[in-house]
Protein backbone atom coordinates (compact mmCIF):
# COMPACT_ATOMS: atom_id res chain seq x y z
CA MET A 1 6.80 -18.73 18.67
CA PRO A 2 8.35 -18.78 22.07
CA PRO A 3 6.17 -15.96 24.44
CA ALA A 4 6.92 -12.18 24.16
CA GLN A 5 6.46 -11.24 27.70
CA SER A 6 9.75 -9.26 27.27
CA THR A 7 8.78 -7.00 24.63
CA ARG A 8 4.96 -8.29 24.09
CA PHE A 9 5.07 -8.78 20.42
CA PRO A 10 1.17 -9.60 20.40
CA ALA A 11 0.07 -5.88 20.96
CA TYR A 12 2.55 -5.02 17.98
CA LEU A 13 0.40 -7.19 15.81
CA PHE A 14 -2.58 -6.06 17.24
CA THR A 15 -1.26 -2.40 16.52
CA HIS A 16 -0.13 -3.52 13.25
CA GLY A 17 -3.67 -4.79 12.38
CA ALA A 18 -5.51 -2.35 13.86
CA TRP A 19 -3.77 -0.10 11.37
CA PHE A 20 -4.37 -2.04 7.98
CA LEU A 21 -8.13 -2.40 9.25
CA ALA A 22 -8.48 0.92 9.37
CA PHE A 23 -7.01 1.28 5.87
CA GLY A 24 -9.02 -1.68 4.49
CA VAL A 25 -12.23 0.19 5.36
CA GLN A 26 -10.91 3.56 4.46
CA LEU A 27 -10.19 1.76 0.67
CA VAL A 28 -13.73 1.25 0.67
CA LEU A 29 -15.54 4.25 1.94
CA PHE A 30 -13.42 7.12 0.69
CA PRO A 31 -14.32 6.34 -3.16
CA TYR A 32 -18.11 5.78 -1.54
CA LEU A 33 -18.21 9.68 -0.09
CA VAL A 34 -16.22 11.30 -3.51
CA ARG A 35 -18.27 9.72 -5.70
CA VAL A 36 -22.06 8.73 -4.24
CA VAL A 37 -22.14 11.04 -1.31
CA LEU A 38 -20.81 14.01 -2.68
CA GLN A 39 -21.11 13.05 -7.06
CA GLU A 40 -17.90 14.10 -7.62
CA ASP A 41 -17.23 13.62 -11.63
CA GLU A 42 -14.03 11.86 -12.60
CA ILE A 43 -11.80 14.11 -12.41
CA ARG A 44 -12.02 15.09 -9.21
CA PHE A 45 -12.24 11.42 -7.87
CA GLY A 46 -8.42 11.22 -9.38
CA LEU A 47 -7.37 14.56 -7.88
CA ALA A 48 -8.75 12.77 -4.05
CA GLN A 49 -7.25 10.00 -4.36
CA MET A 50 -4.17 11.43 -5.54
CA CYS A 51 -4.03 13.81 -2.67
CA LEU A 52 -4.93 10.26 -0.28
CA GLN A 53 -1.30 8.86 -1.80
CA LEU A 54 0.89 12.34 -2.12
CA PRO A 55 1.68 13.47 1.10
CA THR A 56 3.32 9.47 1.97
CA THR A 57 5.10 10.18 -1.00
CA LEU A 58 6.45 13.50 -0.64
CA LEU A 59 7.22 12.65 2.92
CA ILE A 60 8.35 9.82 3.19
CA LEU A 61 11.96 9.63 3.25
CA ILE A 62 11.49 12.40 5.98
CA GLY A 63 9.57 9.86 8.01
CA GLY A 64 12.79 7.25 7.56
CA PHE A 65 15.19 10.15 8.31
CA THR A 66 12.66 11.28 11.64
CA ALA A 67 12.40 7.14 12.72
CA ASP A 68 15.68 6.50 13.14
CA ARG A 69 16.25 9.91 15.26
CA ILE A 70 13.19 9.11 17.44
CA ARG A 71 11.97 5.94 19.61
CA PRO A 72 9.83 4.93 16.87
CA ARG A 73 7.28 3.75 19.69
CA ARG A 74 6.48 7.04 20.46
CA ILE A 75 6.23 8.27 16.89
CA VAL A 76 3.57 5.02 16.58
CA VAL A 77 1.96 6.18 19.69
CA ILE A 78 1.37 9.41 18.43
CA ALA A 79 0.35 8.22 15.00
CA CYS A 80 -2.73 6.15 15.73
CA ALA A 81 -3.86 9.04 18.24
CA LEU A 82 -3.81 11.43 15.37
CA SER A 83 -5.85 8.52 13.50
CA VAL A 84 -8.67 8.57 16.03
CA LEU A 85 -8.90 12.81 15.87
CA THR A 86 -9.40 12.62 11.46
CA PHE A 87 -11.55 9.36 11.74
CA ALA A 88 -13.60 10.84 14.44
CA ALA A 89 -13.71 13.90 12.27
CA LEU A 90 -14.82 12.40 9.21
CA GLY A 91 -17.62 10.33 10.82
CA LEU A 92 -19.13 13.54 12.69
CA MET A 93 -19.49 15.10 8.91
CA VAL A 94 -21.14 12.41 7.29
CA ILE A 95 -23.73 12.03 10.36
CA SER A 96 -24.07 16.24 10.00
CA GLY A 97 -24.23 15.90 6.40
CA ARG A 98 -21.57 18.68 6.34
CA LEU A 99 -18.77 16.67 4.68
CA THR A 100 -17.60 18.95 1.60
CA TYR A 101 -15.06 18.35 -0.92
CA GLY A 102 -12.48 20.53 0.65
CA LEU A 103 -13.09 18.73 3.85
CA ILE A 104 -12.78 15.39 2.66
CA ILE A 105 -9.24 16.27 0.87
CA VAL A 106 -7.99 17.63 4.40
CA TYR A 107 -9.18 14.67 5.27
CA ALA A 108 -6.78 13.00 2.47
CA LEU A 109 -3.97 14.62 3.05
CA SER A 110 -4.06 14.54 6.82
CA VAL A 111 -3.87 10.83 6.80
CA GLY A 112 -1.60 10.52 3.82
CA SER A 113 1.14 12.99 5.99
CA ILE A 114 0.19 10.71 9.15
CA GLY A 115 1.56 7.41 7.44
CA ALA A 116 4.30 9.06 5.97
CA PHE A 117 5.73 9.39 9.69
CA ALA A 118 4.01 5.89 10.71
CA ILE A 119 5.23 3.31 8.38
CA PRO A 120 9.25 3.67 8.40
CA ALA A 121 8.71 4.27 12.56
CA ARG A 122 6.31 1.04 12.93
CA ASP A 123 8.78 -1.00 10.31
CA SER A 124 11.43 0.11 12.50
CA LEU A 125 10.05 -1.26 15.28
CA LEU A 126 9.14 -4.33 14.00
CA SER A 127 12.90 -5.63 14.60
CA LEU A 128 13.07 -4.27 18.35
CA VAL A 129 9.69 -6.08 19.80
CA SER A 130 10.42 -9.18 17.66
CA PRO A 131 10.16 -12.10 20.36
CA GLY A 132 14.15 -12.77 20.26
CA HIS A 133 16.43 -10.42 18.12
CA GLY A 134 18.48 -13.27 15.86
CA PRO A 135 17.86 -13.48 12.17
CA GLY A 136 16.00 -16.44 12.35
CA ASP A 137 13.30 -14.76 15.00
CA VAL A 138 13.14 -11.32 13.11
CA HIS A 139 12.15 -13.40 9.98
CA ARG A 140 9.27 -14.89 11.74
CA ALA A 141 8.43 -11.94 13.20
CA VAL A 142 8.30 -10.06 9.48
CA ASN A 143 5.89 -13.10 8.39
CA PHE A 144 3.61 -13.04 11.37
CA ALA A 145 3.25 -9.36 11.13
CA SER A 146 2.73 -9.49 6.92
CA LEU A 147 -0.33 -11.97 8.35
CA ALA A 148 -1.88 -9.54 10.32
CA GLN A 149 -1.06 -7.04 7.78
CA PHE A 150 -3.47 -9.20 4.79
CA GLY A 151 -5.47 -10.60 8.05
CA ALA A 152 -6.93 -7.27 9.08
CA GLN A 153 -7.34 -5.13 5.61
CA ILE A 154 -9.60 -8.19 4.32
CA LEU A 155 -11.15 -8.19 7.69
CA GLY A 156 -11.86 -4.26 7.34
CA MET A 157 -12.81 -4.40 3.68
CA ALA A 158 -15.44 -7.33 5.28
CA TYR A 159 -16.66 -5.00 7.62
CA ALA A 160 -17.16 -2.23 5.08
CA THR A 161 -19.64 -4.46 3.59
CA THR A 162 -21.88 -3.95 6.74
CA ALA A 163 -22.15 0.05 5.78
CA PRO A 164 -25.61 -0.34 4.43
CA PHE A 165 -27.25 -1.75 7.89
CA LEU A 166 -24.06 -0.11 9.86
CA GLY A 167 -24.06 3.60 8.38
CA VAL A 168 -21.07 5.14 7.35
CA GLY A 169 -20.88 7.99 9.80
CA PRO A 170 -21.24 5.54 12.58
CA MET A 171 -18.35 2.51 10.78
CA LEU A 172 -15.76 5.71 10.84
CA LEU A 173 -16.47 6.61 14.44
CA SER A 174 -15.87 2.34 15.52
CA LEU A 175 -12.47 3.53 13.28
CA SER A 176 -11.56 6.14 16.07
CA LEU A 177 -12.12 3.70 18.97
CA ILE A 178 -10.02 0.53 17.22
CA MET A 179 -7.30 3.34 16.56
CA ALA A 180 -7.74 4.60 20.04
CA LEU A 181 -6.89 0.91 21.16
CA ALA A 182 -4.35 0.84 18.72
CA SER A 183 -2.40 3.86 20.70
CA LEU A 184 -3.00 2.00 23.72
CA ALA A 185 -1.67 -1.35 22.48
CA ALA A 186 1.55 1.03 20.88
CA LEU A 187 2.01 2.18 24.68
CA ALA A 188 1.99 -1.21 26.18
CA LEU A 189 5.25 -2.44 23.68
CA ARG A 190 8.68 -3.19 25.90
CA PRO A 191 11.00 -2.81 22.58
CA ARG A 192 14.24 -3.04 23.08
CA PRO A 193 16.93 -0.11 22.80
CA ALA A 194 16.69 1.13 19.49
CA GLN A 195 20.06 2.80 18.28
CA LEU A 196 18.83 6.62 17.08
CA ALA A 197 21.31 8.13 14.38
CA ALA A 198 23.01 10.98 15.06
CA ALA A 199 22.40 14.22 14.63
CA GLY A 200 25.11 14.47 12.16
CA ASP A 201 27.08 17.56 10.49
CA GLY A 202 25.72 19.77 7.84
CA HIS A 203 21.88 21.13 6.86
CA LEU A 204 19.37 18.14 7.43
CA VAL A 205 18.45 18.96 3.92
CA ALA A 206 21.77 18.49 2.65
CA ARG A 207 22.19 15.46 4.23
CA MET A 208 18.96 14.15 2.83
CA ALA A 209 19.93 14.95 -0.41
CA ALA A 210 22.60 13.02 -0.59
CA ASP A 211 21.57 9.78 0.98
CA ILE A 212 19.18 9.97 -2.03
CA GLY A 213 21.67 10.77 -4.56
CA GLY A 214 23.47 8.06 -3.14
CA GLY A 215 20.62 5.53 -3.56
CA LEU A 216 19.72 6.99 -7.05
CA LYS A 217 23.41 5.82 -7.76
CA ALA A 218 23.02 2.80 -6.66
CA VAL A 219 20.30 1.87 -8.30
CA ALA A 220 21.45 3.51 -11.94
CA ARG A 221 24.61 0.31 -11.68
CA SER A 222 23.04 -2.67 -10.82
CA PRO A 223 21.76 -4.41 -13.89
CA ILE A 224 19.46 -6.41 -11.87
CA ILE A 225 18.25 -3.73 -9.49
CA PHE A 226 17.44 -1.02 -11.96
CA PRO A 227 14.94 -2.69 -14.35
CA VAL A 228 12.81 -3.91 -10.70
CA VAL A 229 13.04 -0.28 -9.63
CA LEU A 230 11.76 0.83 -13.05
CA CYS A 231 9.21 -1.78 -12.80
CA ALA A 232 8.40 -0.86 -8.93
CA LEU A 233 7.76 2.93 -10.45
CA PHE A 234 5.06 1.46 -13.64
CA VAL A 235 3.51 -1.12 -11.04
CA GLY A 236 2.69 3.14 -9.09
CA VAL A 237 1.77 4.65 -12.62
CA CYS A 238 -0.56 1.80 -13.89
CA PHE A 239 -1.62 -0.59 -11.12
CA MET A 240 -2.29 1.16 -7.81
CA GLY A 241 -3.77 4.65 -10.11
CA SER A 242 -5.64 1.70 -11.78
CA PHE A 243 -6.91 0.52 -8.94
CA PHE A 244 -7.97 3.24 -7.19
CA VAL A 245 -9.70 5.29 -9.73
CA LEU A 246 -10.28 3.75 -13.12
CA LEU A 247 -11.46 0.15 -11.16
CA PRO A 248 -14.16 1.74 -8.48
CA LEU A 249 -15.70 4.00 -11.35
CA ILE A 250 -15.90 0.10 -13.48
CA VAL A 251 -17.62 -0.95 -9.93
CA GLN A 252 -20.28 2.15 -9.84
CA SER A 253 -20.93 1.71 -13.43
CA TYR A 254 -22.63 -1.37 -12.52
CA PHE A 255 -25.69 0.66 -10.45
CA PRO A 256 -28.08 3.19 -11.55
CA PRO A 257 -27.21 7.17 -10.92
CA ASN A 258 -30.12 7.20 -9.21
CA ASP A 259 -30.51 4.16 -7.00
CA PRO A 260 -32.49 4.42 -4.11
CA ASP A 261 -30.32 3.18 -1.71
CA PRO A 262 -26.59 4.00 -2.60
CA THR A 263 -24.70 1.97 0.32
CA HIS A 264 -25.25 -0.88 -1.79
CA ILE A 265 -22.74 0.51 -4.14
CA ALA A 266 -19.52 0.89 -0.97
CA THR A 267 -20.80 -3.05 -0.79
CA ALA A 268 -20.07 -3.55 -4.25
CA PHE A 269 -16.52 -1.69 -3.72
CA ALA A 270 -15.75 -3.69 -0.87
CA LEU A 271 -16.50 -7.25 -2.45
CA PHE A 272 -14.43 -6.14 -5.33
CA SER A 273 -11.56 -4.83 -2.94
CA LEU A 274 -11.61 -8.28 -0.80
CA CYS A 275 -11.08 -10.18 -4.04
CA PHE A 276 -8.10 -9.02 -4.94
CA TRP A 277 -6.74 -9.03 -1.40
CA ILE A 278 -7.66 -12.73 -0.87
CA GLY A 279 -6.36 -13.40 -3.85
CA SER A 280 -2.68 -12.11 -2.63
CA LEU A 281 -2.63 -13.43 1.01
CA ILE A 282 -3.25 -16.63 -0.91
CA SER A 283 -0.22 -16.80 -3.20
CA VAL A 284 2.07 -15.05 -0.40
CA LEU A 285 0.79 -17.98 1.87
CA LEU A 286 1.57 -20.16 -1.00
CA MET A 287 4.82 -19.16 -1.06
CA VAL A 288 5.30 -19.48 2.24
CA ARG A 289 4.50 -22.59 2.43
CA PHE A 290 6.42 -23.93 -0.65
CA GLY A 291 10.08 -21.55 0.10
CA HIS A 292 11.88 -20.18 -2.30
CA ILE A 293 11.22 -19.87 -6.65
CA ARG A 294 14.32 -20.81 -8.37
CA ARG A 295 13.59 -17.96 -11.44
CA LYS A 296 12.55 -15.16 -9.64
CA GLY A 297 13.19 -12.81 -12.41
CA VAL A 298 11.11 -14.55 -14.64
CA ALA A 299 8.55 -15.18 -11.91
CA TYR A 300 8.30 -11.76 -10.88
CA MET A 301 8.02 -10.58 -14.91
CA ALA A 302 4.96 -12.86 -15.22
CA SER A 303 2.94 -11.75 -12.65
CA LEU A 304 3.63 -7.91 -13.84
CA THR A 305 2.33 -8.82 -17.48
CA CYS A 306 -0.73 -10.86 -15.19
CA GLY A 307 -1.56 -7.45 -13.54
CA GLY A 308 -1.74 -6.13 -17.54
CA LEU A 309 -3.80 -8.35 -19.09
CA VAL A 310 -6.07 -8.58 -16.29
CA LEU A 311 -6.17 -4.44 -17.17
CA VAL A 312 -7.06 -5.04 -20.60
CA VAL A 313 -9.74 -7.67 -20.66
CA CYS A 314 -11.63 -5.56 -17.29
CA SER A 315 -11.89 -3.00 -20.61
CA ILE A 316 -15.32 -5.50 -21.79
CA PRO A 317 -18.24 -5.04 -20.48
CA MET A 318 -18.88 -8.64 -17.80
CA PRO A 319 -20.63 -9.67 -15.53
CA PHE A 320 -19.76 -8.29 -11.91
CA PRO A 321 -19.05 -11.37 -10.76
CA ALA A 322 -16.76 -12.19 -13.76
CA LEU A 323 -14.76 -8.61 -12.90
CA CYS A 324 -14.56 -9.63 -9.72
CA MET A 325 -12.98 -12.91 -10.56
CA LEU A 326 -10.87 -11.11 -12.84
CA ASN A 327 -9.48 -9.05 -9.77
CA PHE A 328 -8.84 -12.03 -7.66
CA VAL A 329 -6.68 -13.61 -10.03
CA TRP A 330 -5.08 -9.56 -10.66
CA GLY A 331 -4.51 -10.36 -6.79
CA LEU A 332 -3.00 -14.31 -6.98
CA GLY A 333 -0.08 -12.66 -9.30
CA GLY A 334 -0.08 -9.47 -7.24
CA GLY A 335 1.12 -11.16 -4.46
CA VAL A 336 3.98 -12.56 -5.90
CA ALA A 337 4.67 -9.24 -7.60
CA MET A 338 4.74 -7.88 -3.98
CA THR A 339 7.29 -10.38 -2.05
CA LEU A 340 9.41 -10.52 -5.00
CA GLY A 341 9.87 -7.23 -5.59
CA ARG A 342 11.42 -6.04 -2.89
CA GLY A 343 12.48 -9.54 -2.44
CA ILE A 344 15.13 -9.16 -4.96
CA VAL A 345 16.27 -5.08 -4.37
CA GLN A 346 17.20 -6.83 -0.71
CA GLN A 347 19.53 -10.14 -2.29
CA HIS A 348 21.36 -7.67 -4.97
CA ALA A 349 21.51 -4.91 -2.75
CA PRO A 350 24.91 -4.12 -1.64
CA ALA A 351 24.83 -3.80 2.25
CA GLU A 352 26.54 -0.17 2.80
CA SER A 353 23.40 0.94 0.93
CA ARG A 354 20.81 -1.25 1.19
CA GLY A 355 18.66 0.63 3.08
CA ARG A 356 18.91 3.71 0.63
CA ILE A 357 18.29 1.79 -2.06
CA LEU A 358 14.90 0.39 0.00
CA SER A 359 14.09 3.71 0.27
CA VAL A 360 14.64 4.75 -3.91
CA PHE A 361 12.79 1.32 -4.65
CA THR A 362 9.92 2.65 -2.19
CA LEU A 363 9.48 5.88 -3.49
CA GLY A 364 9.29 4.89 -6.98
CA LEU A 365 6.02 2.72 -6.21
CA MET A 366 4.60 5.36 -4.28
CA GLY A 367 5.29 8.19 -6.61
CA GLY A 368 3.75 6.53 -9.20
CA GLY A 369 0.22 6.32 -7.41
CA PRO A 370 -0.44 9.75 -7.52
CA LEU A 371 0.68 10.16 -11.30
CA GLY A 372 -1.59 7.60 -12.15
CA ALA A 373 -4.27 8.83 -9.93
CA VAL A 374 -4.82 12.50 -10.92
CA SER A 375 -4.14 11.53 -15.18
CA TYR A 376 -6.82 8.47 -15.12
CA GLY A 377 -9.16 10.48 -13.52
CA PHE A 378 -8.60 13.18 -16.29
CA LEU A 379 -8.41 10.53 -19.00
CA ALA A 380 -11.44 8.68 -17.71
CA LYS A 381 -13.60 11.93 -17.95
CA ALA A 382 -12.62 12.06 -21.92
CA VAL A 383 -13.20 8.45 -22.61
CA GLY A 384 -14.77 6.48 -19.54
CA PRO A 385 -13.63 3.85 -17.49
CA HIS A 386 -13.70 1.11 -19.77
CA LEU A 387 -11.79 3.16 -22.36
CA ALA A 388 -9.24 4.29 -20.33
CA ILE A 389 -8.00 1.13 -18.26
CA LEU A 390 -6.54 -0.02 -22.18
CA ALA A 391 -3.90 2.77 -20.95
CA PRO A 392 -2.25 1.59 -18.33
CA GLY A 393 -2.75 -2.05 -19.66
CA LEU A 394 -0.93 -1.84 -22.32
CA LEU A 395 1.60 0.63 -20.86
CA MET A 396 2.83 -2.42 -18.33
CA LEU A 397 2.96 -5.10 -21.00
CA THR A 398 5.36 -2.69 -23.22
CA LEU A 399 7.42 -1.98 -20.15
CA VAL A 400 7.54 -5.73 -19.34
CA ALA A 401 8.19 -7.09 -22.72
CA CYS A 402 11.58 -3.87 -22.91
CA VAL A 403 12.29 -5.14 -19.61
CA PHE A 404 12.48 -9.32 -20.39
CA THR A 405 14.12 -8.25 -24.04
CA PHE A 406 16.78 -5.75 -23.05
CA SER A 407 17.74 -6.42 -19.13
CA PRO A 408 19.48 -9.34 -17.72
CA LEU A 409 16.15 -9.86 -15.40
CA ARG A 410 15.25 -13.26 -17.08
CA HIS A 411 18.52 -14.69 -16.26
CA LEU A 412 18.24 -13.84 -12.70
CA ASP A 413 18.69 -17.23 -10.63
CA GLU A 414 17.59 -18.40 -6.91
CA ASP A 415 20.67 -17.28 -4.83
CA PRO A 416 22.31 -14.15 -5.08
CA HIS A 417 25.75 -12.96 -6.82
CA PRO A 418 28.53 -13.19 -3.80
CA SER A 419 29.42 -9.57 -4.38
CA ALA A 420 25.77 -8.35 -3.28
CA ALA A 421 25.05 -10.70 -0.53
């Protein structure tokens, strides 16, 4: 890749990576704080995880609307600066021993709200800071950003394994320092001028409703996109809900309630999560290395089937290393599912409504997560996490069987139809 003197693309990669490094640490420490430090039950744990995801789900379309009308670099700088305050506040509460369930809910809602505006702005900024602005240059920039995301997230989870040595509070304070550096790096960017959307006529809510309605209609009309969006919704409900609620509860079950050093649970959370994301990174790298998959629909459904089977098998008590290996296998399939799902929608969405259709796809994926999180919290409280995890696993397998039988997705070949290109 040629040097990026004009836009300072490496600074973008640092900002992008810093955000996901912090996300990787949060992925480990948040369930640890709720379940181990505060000792909340399964229902309140599920509600806390829902609060972490729900603001992003509710506000993501507003965030995208804002990113089209305000310079995205400004939004990213502000989002990183606000993250400094949230991590510092949480770290100080942990160190002082003043953390409560109410305060961690406030933290979760704050982080989720910041993410709703940061995500679309950061995605919009990428094409403005790529070293070139041709299609090939942007594609290479996306690949570098994806590698920075996965690599930084894995680094963050590896960093979280040191919680027994560094302490949870100091680790959170260090994240505030990292996000301060990310804010400075974003400030140093020199993006190409963005073409901001016009204000438009009519009330803001009415314009947004019209855009969303148009996207929903376009999704419903497509025999290929509709089943993929439906699968994305179930990925949120079945997979994200399980990953954030049921699987942490299963990992915690390996430790006695009166463990003299509960920070070891945080290390176990980190190791377990690392297995999934390392598997995802490997599968994405293999897909980049070996190019196109001819039967994309079949491969997509096979990856979802893999995830459903892993959840079913996780209901069986097993040694912790075996559980981590299962999570690695799930990650291999997850990398395929995450890449192909969005790629299929990109290929088959008409150009005039591609953005709206992608927003519906993202909303379906993210909207299912909070629903699954709160539902599985109640279910785990009633029957235990091992038995509860059968529900999302069997639900996903049933959905994939229906999509395979009743939709044309299994016939999908490598190239999109000319009319949808």
